[in-house]
């Protein structure tokens, strides 16, 4: 698989990563890591929706 950015400029560079948002393959030179928050609340700590209490 070839780097998308390099192929646009006529070069053949092997891709080493895939963008998780758009699926484009990129080489090490064009890849960069960004922090992405996935959830605003912790799973399992939300308000209960039932009125019964545990024994």
PDB file of N, CA and C in Angstrom:
ATOM      1  N   UNK A   1       0.859  -1.167   0.000  1.00  0.00           N
ATOM      2  CA  UNK A   1       0.000   0.000   0.000  1.00  0.00           C
ATOM      3  C   UNK A   1       0.906   1.231   0.000  1.00  0.00           C
ATOM      4  N   UNK A   2       0.513   2.245  -0.750  1.00  0.00           N
ATOM      5  CA  UNK A   2       1.320   3.451  -0.904  1.00  0.00           C
ATOM      6  C   UNK A   2       0.732   4.613  -0.106  1.00  0.00           C
ATOM      7  N   UNK A   3       1.600   5.507   0.315  1.00  0.00           N
ATOM      8  CA  UNK A   3       1.197   6.720   1.027  1.00  0.00           C
ATOM      9  C   UNK A   3       0.385   7.621   0.091  1.00  0.00           C
ATOM     10  N   UNK A   4      -0.769   8.035   0.532  1.00  0.00           N
ATOM     11  CA  UNK A   4      -1.642   8.900  -0.268  1.00  0.00           C
ATOM     12  C   UNK A   4      -0.960  10.223  -0.597  1.00  0.00           C
ATOM     13  N   UNK A   5      -0.363  10.861   0.398  1.00  0.00           N
ATOM     14  CA  UNK A   5       0.270  12.171   0.201  1.00  0.00           C
ATOM     15  C   UNK A   5       1.444  12.085  -0.770  1.00  0.00           C
ATOM     16  N   UNK A   6       2.270  11.049  -0.636  1.00  0.00           N
ATOM     17  CA  UNK A   6       3.423  10.893  -1.528  1.00  0.00           C
ATOM     18  C   UNK A   6       2.972  10.619  -2.952  1.00  0.00           C
ATOM     19  N   UNK A   7       1.940   9.805  -3.130  1.00  0.00           N
ATOM     20  CA  UNK A   7       1.436   9.503  -4.471  1.00  0.00           C
ATOM     21  C   UNK A   7       0.899  10.754  -5.157  1.00  0.00           C
ATOM     22  N   UNK A   8       0.351  11.693  -4.377  1.00  0.00           N
ATOM     23  CA  UNK A   8      -0.137  12.940  -4.961  1.00  0.00           C
ATOM     24  C   UNK A   8       1.004  13.754  -5.572  1.00  0.00           C
ATOM     25  N   UNK A   9       2.210  13.594  -5.022  1.00  0.00           N
ATOM     26  CA  UNK A   9       3.368  14.332  -5.548  1.00  0.00           C
ATOM     27  C   UNK A   9       4.236  13.473  -6.474  1.00  0.00           C
ATOM     28  N   UNK A  10       3.747  12.277  -6.863  1.00  0.00           N
ATOM     29  CA  UNK A  10       4.461  11.438  -7.822  1.00  0.00           C
ATOM     30  C   UNK A  10       5.510  10.530  -7.231  1.00  0.00           C
ATOM     31  N   UNK A  11       5.534  10.342  -5.918  1.00  0.00           N
ATOM     32  CA  UNK A  11       6.519   9.476  -5.265  1.00  0.00           C
ATOM     33  C   UNK A  11       5.857   8.172  -4.829  1.00  0.00           C
ATOM     34  N   UNK A  12       6.657   7.115  -4.724  1.00  0.00           N
ATOM     35  CA  UNK A  12       6.179   5.819  -4.230  1.00  0.00           C
ATOM     36  C   UNK A  12       6.800   5.548  -2.866  1.00  0.00           C
ATOM     37  N   UNK A  13       6.055   5.825  -1.814  1.00  0.00           N
ATOM     38  CA  UNK A  13       6.526   5.583  -0.440  1.00  0.00           C
ATOM     39  C   UNK A  13       5.545   4.618   0.221  1.00  0.00           C
ATOM     40  N   UNK A  14       6.080   3.601   0.866  1.00  0.00           N
ATOM     41  CA  UNK A  14       5.239   2.597   1.516  1.00  0.00           C
ATOM     42  C   UNK A  14       4.504   3.215   2.699  1.00  0.00           C
ATOM     43  N   UNK A  15       3.209   2.940   2.800  1.00  0.00           N
ATOM     44  CA  UNK A  15       2.393   3.447   3.910  1.00  0.00           C
ATOM     45  C   UNK A  15       2.665   2.626   5.166  1.00  0.00           C
ATOM     46  N   UNK A  16       2.665   3.295   6.315  1.00  0.00           N
ATOM     47  CA  UNK A  16       2.899   2.627   7.591  1.00  0.00           C
ATOM     48  C   UNK A  16       1.748   2.809   8.563  1.00  0.00           C
ATOM     49  N   UNK A  17       0.765   3.624   8.201  1.00  0.00           N
ATOM     50  CA  UNK A  17      -0.365   3.878   9.101  1.00  0.00           C
ATOM     51  C   UNK A  17      -1.609   4.182   8.282  1.00  0.00           C
ATOM     52  N   UNK A  18      -2.756   4.008   8.935  1.00  0.00           N
ATOM     53  CA  UNK A  18      -4.050   4.301   8.320  1.00  0.00           C
ATOM     54  C   UNK A  18      -4.771   5.314   9.211  1.00  0.00           C
ATOM     55  N   UNK A  19      -5.324   6.361   8.619  1.00  0.00           N
ATOM     56  CA  UNK A  19      -6.104   7.343   9.374  1.00  0.00           C
ATOM     57  C   UNK A  19      -7.397   6.684   9.846  1.00  0.00           C
ATOM     58  N   UNK A  20      -7.700   6.773  11.136  1.00  0.00           N
ATOM     59  CA  UNK A  20      -8.899   6.116  11.650  1.00  0.00           C
ATOM     60  C   UNK A  20     -10.174   6.901  11.338  1.00  0.00           C
ATOM     61  N   UNK A  21     -10.056   8.133  10.879  1.00  0.00           N
ATOM     62  CA  UNK A  21     -11.242   8.917  10.519  1.00  0.00           C
ATOM     63  C   UNK A  21     -11.616   8.777   9.044  1.00  0.00           C
ATOM     64  N   UNK A  22     -10.624   8.818   8.152  1.00  0.00           N
ATOM     65  CA  UNK A  22     -10.943   8.797   6.716  1.00  0.00           C
ATOM     66  C   UNK A  22     -10.413   7.575   5.982  1.00  0.00           C
ATOM     67  N   UNK A  23      -9.512   6.794   6.608  1.00  0.00           N
ATOM     68  CA  UNK A  23      -9.018   5.574   5.992  1.00  0.00           C
ATOM     69  C   UNK A  23      -7.862   5.752   5.027  1.00  0.00           C
ATOM     70  N   UNK A  24      -7.284   6.949   4.940  1.00  0.00           N
ATOM     71  CA  UNK A  24      -6.165   7.206   4.040  1.00  0.00           C
ATOM     72  C   UNK A  24      -4.898   6.567   4.605  1.00  0.00           C
ATOM     73  N   UNK A  25      -4.116   5.937   3.724  1.00  0.00           N
ATOM     74  CA  UNK A  25      -2.834   5.350   4.112  1.00  0.00           C
ATOM     75  C   UNK A  25      -1.752   6.422   4.018  1.00  0.00           C
ATOM     76  N   UNK A  26      -0.864   6.482   5.020  1.00  0.00           N
ATOM     77  CA  UNK A  26       0.204   7.484   5.029  1.00  0.00           C
ATOM     78  C   UNK A  26       1.526   6.862   5.475  1.00  0.00           C
ATOM     79  N   UNK A  27       2.617   7.457   5.020  1.00  0.00           N
ATOM     80  CA  UNK A  27       3.949   7.013   5.424  1.00  0.00           C
ATOM     81  C   UNK A  27       4.317   7.655   6.773  1.00  0.00           C
ATOM     82  N   UNK A  28       5.478   7.268   7.276  1.00  0.00           N
ATOM     83  CA  UNK A  28       5.942   7.795   8.564  1.00  0.00           C
ATOM     84  C   UNK A  28       6.126   9.312   8.527  1.00  0.00           C
ATOM     85  N   UNK A  29       6.547   9.846   7.394  1.00  0.00           N
ATOM     86  CA  UNK A  29       6.788  11.293   7.273  1.00  0.00           C
ATOM     87  C   UNK A  29       5.480  12.088   7.328  1.00  0.00           C
ATOM     88  N   UNK A  30       4.410  11.546   6.781  1.00  0.00           N
ATOM     89  CA  UNK A  30       3.137  12.262   6.745  1.00  0.00           C
ATOM     90  C   UNK A  30       2.203  11.915   7.908  1.00  0.00           C
ATOM     91  N   UNK A  31       2.532  10.904   8.679  1.00  0.00           N
ATOM     92  CA  UNK A  31       1.682  10.524   9.813  1.00  0.00           C
ATOM     93  C   UNK A  31       1.960  11.419  11.015  1.00  0.00           C
ATOM     94  N   UNK A  32       0.914  11.766  11.753  1.00  0.00           N
ATOM     95  CA  UNK A  32       1.072  12.458  13.027  1.00  0.00           C
ATOM     96  C   UNK A  32      -0.059  12.018  13.953  1.00  0.00           C
ATOM     97  N   UNK A  33       0.218  12.016  15.241  1.00  0.00           N
ATOM     98  CA  UNK A  33      -0.733  11.527  16.235  1.00  0.00           C
ATOM     99  C   UNK A  33      -1.438  12.713  16.870  1.00  0.00           C
ATOM    100  N   UNK A  34      -2.754  12.604  16.989  1.00  0.00           N
ATOM    101  CA  UNK A  34      -3.546  13.623  17.673  1.00  0.00           C
ATOM    102  C   UNK A  34      -4.353  12.958  18.771  1.00  0.00           C
ATOM    103  N   UNK A  35      -4.478  13.622  19.883  1.00  0.00           N
ATOM    104  CA  UNK A  35      -5.288  13.117  20.982  1.00  0.00           C
ATOM    105  C   UNK A  35      -6.758  13.362  20.651  1.00  0.00           C
ATOM    106  N   UNK A  36      -7.589  12.354  20.921  1.00  0.00           N
ATOM    107  CA  UNK A  36      -9.011  12.463  20.620  1.00  0.00           C
ATOM    108  C   UNK A  36      -9.806  11.922  21.804  1.00  0.00           C
ATOM    109  N   UNK A  37     -10.666  12.761  22.380  1.00  0.00           N
ATOM    110  CA  UNK A  37     -11.507  12.334  23.490  1.00  0.00           C
ATOM    111  C   UNK A  37     -12.667  11.517  22.939  1.00  0.00           C
ATOM    112  N   UNK A  38     -12.857  10.319  23.481  1.00  0.00           N
ATOM    113  CA  UNK A  38     -13.882   9.431  22.968  1.00  0.00           C
ATOM    114  C   UNK A  38     -15.199   9.546  23.718  1.00  0.00           C
ATOM    115  N   UNK A  39     -15.148   9.774  25.036  1.00  0.00           N
ATOM    116  CA  UNK A  39     -16.359   9.840  25.847  1.00  0.00           C
ATOM    117  C   UNK A  39     -16.268  11.008  26.825  1.00  0.00           C
ATOM    118  N   UNK A  40     -17.389  11.647  27.054  1.00  0.00           N
ATOM    119  CA  UNK A  40     -17.402  12.738  28.022  1.00  0.00           C
ATOM    120  C   UNK A  40     -17.656  12.224  29.436  1.00  0.00           C
ATOM    121  N   UNK A  41     -18.411  11.112  29.570  1.00  0.00           N
ATOM    122  CA  UNK A  41     -18.706  10.531  30.878  1.00  0.00           C
ATOM    123  C   UNK A  41     -18.119   9.132  30.948  1.00  0.00           C
ATOM    124  N   UNK A  42     -17.738   8.724  32.136  1.00  0.00           N
ATOM    125  CA  UNK A  42     -17.239   7.366  32.320  1.00  0.00           C
ATOM    126  C   UNK A  42     -18.383   6.374  32.172  1.00  0.00           C
ATOM    127  N   UNK A  43     -18.140   5.281  31.508  1.00  0.00           N
ATOM    128  CA  UNK A  43     -19.172   4.268  31.282  1.00  0.00           C
ATOM    129  C   UNK A  43     -19.572   3.618  32.603  1.00  0.00           C
ATOM    130  N   UNK A  44     -20.874   3.404  32.779  1.00  0.00           N
ATOM    131  CA  UNK A  44     -21.365   2.699  33.951  1.00  0.00           C
ATOM    132  C   UNK A  44     -21.616   3.568  35.165  1.00  0.00           C
ATOM    133  N   UNK A  45     -21.382   4.850  35.081  1.00  0.00           N
ATOM    134  CA  UNK A  45     -21.567   5.721  36.239  1.00  0.00           C
ATOM    135  C   UNK A  45     -22.747   6.680  36.065  1.00  0.00           C
ATOM    136  N   UNK A  46     -23.635   6.357  35.157  1.00  0.00           N
ATOM    137  CA  UNK A  46     -24.790   7.213  34.899  1.00  0.00           C
ATOM    138  C   UNK A  46     -25.896   6.973  35.917  1.00  0.00           C
ATOM    139  N   UNK A  47     -26.887   7.838  35.939  1.00  0.00           N
ATOM    140  CA  UNK A  47     -28.018   7.731  36.842  1.00  0.00           C
ATOM    141  C   UNK A  47     -28.843   6.490  36.501  1.00  0.00           C
ATOM    142  N   UNK A  48     -29.317   5.801  37.537  1.00  0.00           N
ATOM    143  CA  UNK A  48     -30.125   4.603  37.350  1.00  0.00           C
ATOM    144  C   UNK A  48     -31.488   4.988  36.789  1.00  0.00           C
ATOM    145  N   UNK A  49     -32.044   4.132  35.939  1.00  0.00           N
ATOM    146  CA  UNK A  49     -33.366   4.405  35.369  1.00  0.00           C
ATOM    147  C   UNK A  49     -34.461   3.571  36.007  1.00  0.00           C
ATOM    148  N   UNK A  50     -34.130   2.729  36.997  1.00  0.00           N
ATOM    149  CA  UNK A  50     -35.153   1.921  37.669  1.00  0.00           C
ATOM    150  C   UNK A  50     -35.388   2.457  39.067  1.00  0.00           C
ATOM    151  N   UNK A  51     -36.597   2.186  39.588  1.00  0.00           N
ATOM    152  CA  UNK A  51     -36.918   2.688  40.930  1.00  0.00           C
ATOM    153  C   UNK A  51     -36.719   1.640  42.010  1.00  0.00           C
ATOM    154  N   UNK A  52     -36.469   0.380  41.634  1.00  0.00           N
ATOM    155  CA  UNK A  52     -36.292  -0.659  42.653  1.00  0.00           C
ATOM    156  C   UNK A  52     -34.895  -0.587  43.246  1.00  0.00           C
ATOM    157  N   UNK A  53     -34.799  -0.869  44.520  1.00  0.00           N
ATOM    158  CA  UNK A  53     -33.491  -0.836  45.185  1.00  0.00           C
ATOM    159  C   UNK A  53     -32.974  -2.248  45.354  1.00  0.00           C
ATOM    160  N   UNK A  54     -31.693  -2.405  45.474  1.00  0.00           N
ATOM    161  CA  UNK A  54     -31.087  -3.712  45.650  1.00  0.00           C
ATOM    162  C   UNK A  54     -31.369  -4.228  47.067  1.00  0.00           C
ATOM    163  N   UNK A  55     -31.566  -5.550  47.231  1.00  0.00           N
ATOM    164  CA  UNK A  55     -31.847  -6.116  48.565  1.00  0.00           C
ATOM    165  C   UNK A  55     -30.665  -6.046  49.499  1.00  0.00           C
TER     166      UNK A  55
END
